[in-house]
C-alpha atoms as a PDB file:
ATOM      1  CA  MET A   1      11.394 199.971  31.296  1.00  0.00           C
ATOM      2  CA  SER A   2      13.841 197.137  31.948  1.00  0.00           C
ATOM      3  CA  ILE A   3      13.719 194.832  34.960  1.00  0.00           C
ATOM      4  CA  SER A   4      16.936 193.941  36.767  1.00  0.00           C
ATOM      5  CA  LYS A   5      17.941 190.286  37.054  1.00  0.00           C
ATOM      6  CA  LYS A   6      20.453 188.795  39.460  1.00  0.00           C
ATOM      7  CA  VAL A   7      22.789 186.007  38.345  1.00  0.00           C
ATOM      8  CA  GLU A   8      25.288 184.330  40.652  1.00  0.00           C
ATOM      9  CA  ILE A   9      28.475 182.753  39.247  1.00  0.00           C
ATOM     10  CA  ILE A  10      30.468 180.460  41.521  1.00  0.00           C
ATOM     11  CA  PHE A  11      34.040 179.693  40.466  1.00  0.00           C
ATOM     12  CA  HIS A  12      34.802 176.193  41.723  1.00  0.00           C
ATOM     13  CA  ASN A  13      38.316 176.273  43.214  1.00  0.00           C
ATOM     14  CA  GLY A  14      38.407 180.028  42.519  1.00  0.00           C
ATOM     15  CA  GLN A  15      39.460 179.633  38.874  1.00  0.00           C
ATOM     16  CA  PRO A  16      37.419 181.712  36.374  1.00  0.00           C
ATOM     17  CA  ASP A  17      38.415 179.430  33.476  1.00  0.00           C
ATOM     18  CA  GLY A  18      37.660 176.265  35.463  1.00  0.00           C
ATOM     19  CA  ILE A  19      34.403 174.696  36.603  1.00  0.00           C
ATOM     20  CA  ARG A  20      31.652 177.277  37.055  1.00  0.00           C
ATOM     21  CA  LEU A  21      28.171 177.100  38.555  1.00  0.00           C
ATOM     22  CA  ILE A  22      25.647 179.684  37.396  1.00  0.00           C
ATOM     23  CA  ARG A  23      22.375 180.350  39.176  1.00  0.00           C
ATOM     24  CA  LYS A  24      19.592 182.818  38.472  1.00  0.00           C
ATOM     25  CA  ASN A  25      17.941 184.381  41.491  1.00  0.00           C
ATOM     26  CA  LEU A  26      14.635 182.681  42.481  1.00  0.00           C
ATOM     27  CA  SER A  27      15.193 179.796  40.034  1.00  0.00           C
ATOM     28  CA  THR A  28      15.664 176.090  40.740  1.00  0.00           C
ATOM     29  CA  MET A  29      17.942 175.693  37.725  1.00  0.00           C
ATOM     30  CA  THR A  30      21.735 175.561  38.025  1.00  0.00           C
ATOM     31  CA  THR A  31      24.037 175.662  35.013  1.00  0.00           C
ATOM     32  CA  PHE A  32      27.398 173.896  35.239  1.00  0.00           C
ATOM     33  CA  VAL A  33      30.205 174.901  32.871  1.00  0.00           C
ATOM     34  CA  ILE A  34      32.770 172.108  32.808  1.00  0.00           C
ATOM     35  CA  PRO A  35      35.830 172.273  30.555  1.00  0.00           C
ATOM     36  CA  ARG A  36      36.612 168.823  29.138  1.00  0.00           C
ATOM     37  CA  PRO A  37      39.992 168.461  30.943  1.00  0.00           C
ATOM     38  CA  LEU A  38      38.198 168.974  34.283  1.00  0.00           C
ATOM     39  CA  LEU A  39      35.493 166.345  33.744  1.00  0.00           C
ATOM     40  CA  SER A  40      36.845 163.930  36.382  1.00  0.00           C
ATOM     41  CA  GLU A  41      37.195 166.752  38.933  1.00  0.00           C
ATOM     42  CA  ALA A  42      33.618 167.870  38.234  1.00  0.00           C
ATOM     43  CA  LYS A  43      32.218 164.511  39.327  1.00  0.00           C
ATOM     44  CA  SER A  44      32.785 165.548  42.956  1.00  0.00           C
ATOM     45  CA  VAL A  45      30.840 168.847  42.650  1.00  0.00           C
ATOM     46  CA  THR A  46      27.595 168.878  44.652  1.00  0.00           C
ATOM     47  CA  GLY A  47      24.462 168.687  42.500  1.00  0.00           C
ATOM     48  CA  VAL A  48      26.149 167.669  39.270  1.00  0.00           C
ATOM     49  CA  ASN A  49      24.437 164.245  39.244  1.00  0.00           C
ATOM     50  CA  LYS A  50      20.918 165.605  38.842  1.00  0.00           C
ATOM     51  CA  PRO A  51      18.828 165.099  35.679  1.00  0.00           C
ATOM     52  CA  GLY A  52      19.308 167.795  33.090  1.00  0.00           C
ATOM     53  CA  ILE A  53      20.203 168.961  29.625  1.00  0.00           C
ATOM     54  CA  TYR A  54      23.821 169.106  28.517  1.00  0.00           C
ATOM     55  CA  TYR A  55      25.708 170.699  25.660  1.00  0.00           C
ATOM     56  CA  LEU A  56      28.973 169.405  24.224  1.00  0.00           C
ATOM     57  CA  ILE A  57      30.689 172.249  22.399  1.00  0.00           C
ATOM     58  CA  SER A  58      33.759 171.882  20.206  1.00  0.00           C
ATOM     59  CA  GLU A  59      35.762 174.844  18.998  1.00  0.00           C
ATOM     60  CA  SER A  60      37.676 175.382  15.789  1.00  0.00           C
ATOM     61  CA  ASN A  61      41.327 176.452  15.731  1.00  0.00           C
ATOM     62  CA  ASP A  62      40.278 180.125  15.714  1.00  0.00           C
ATOM     63  CA  ASN A  63      38.159 179.649  18.914  1.00  0.00           C
ATOM     64  CA  ASN A  64      34.818 179.758  17.113  1.00  0.00           C
ATOM     65  CA  ILE A  65      32.140 177.171  17.829  1.00  0.00           C
ATOM     66  CA  ALA A  66      32.553 174.325  15.347  1.00  0.00           C
ATOM     67  CA  GLU A  67      29.913 171.866  16.621  1.00  0.00           C
ATOM     68  CA  ILE A  68      27.275 171.629  19.339  1.00  0.00           C
ATOM     69  CA  TYR A  69      25.682 168.406  20.557  1.00  0.00           C
ATOM     70  CA  ILE A  70      22.641 168.712  22.840  1.00  0.00           C
ATOM     71  CA  GLY A  71      21.541 165.803  24.995  1.00  0.00           C
ATOM     72  CA  GLN A  72      19.319 164.924  27.925  1.00  0.00           C
ATOM     73  CA  THR A  73      20.278 162.859  30.958  1.00  0.00           C
ATOM     74  CA  ARG A  74      18.715 161.376  34.037  1.00  0.00           C
ATOM     75  CA  ASN A  75      22.136 160.515  35.480  1.00  0.00           C
ATOM     76  CA  GLY A  76      23.823 163.915  35.409  1.00  0.00           C
ATOM     77  CA  ILE A  77      27.512 163.976  34.683  1.00  0.00           C
ATOM     78  CA  ALA A  78      27.743 160.153  34.539  1.00  0.00           C
ATOM     79  CA  ARG A  79      26.113 160.357  31.083  1.00  0.00           C
ATOM     80  CA  LEU A  80      29.114 162.231  29.731  1.00  0.00           C
ATOM     81  CA  ASP A  81      31.285 159.128  30.213  1.00  0.00           C
ATOM     82  CA  ASP A  82      29.373 157.624  27.274  1.00  0.00           C
ATOM     83  CA  HIS A  83      30.625 160.334  24.939  1.00  0.00           C
END
């Protein structure tokens, strides 16, 4: 028997292809999806400066994942300026 799970997706500025916040019910973890062109806009999003794990994903010309870099930060989004 499967157990239902609730996931909340918040579209920052109402754009589904923009900045997104994803939260699982009863969890302290929040996932931020930030497209590279919106990095400077994302710096004003509440909670984005917390410690965490980040993924930098590059796509090939045919929209497949070409590379993934996984890092850890204590400074939240400020760490991405180093990349």
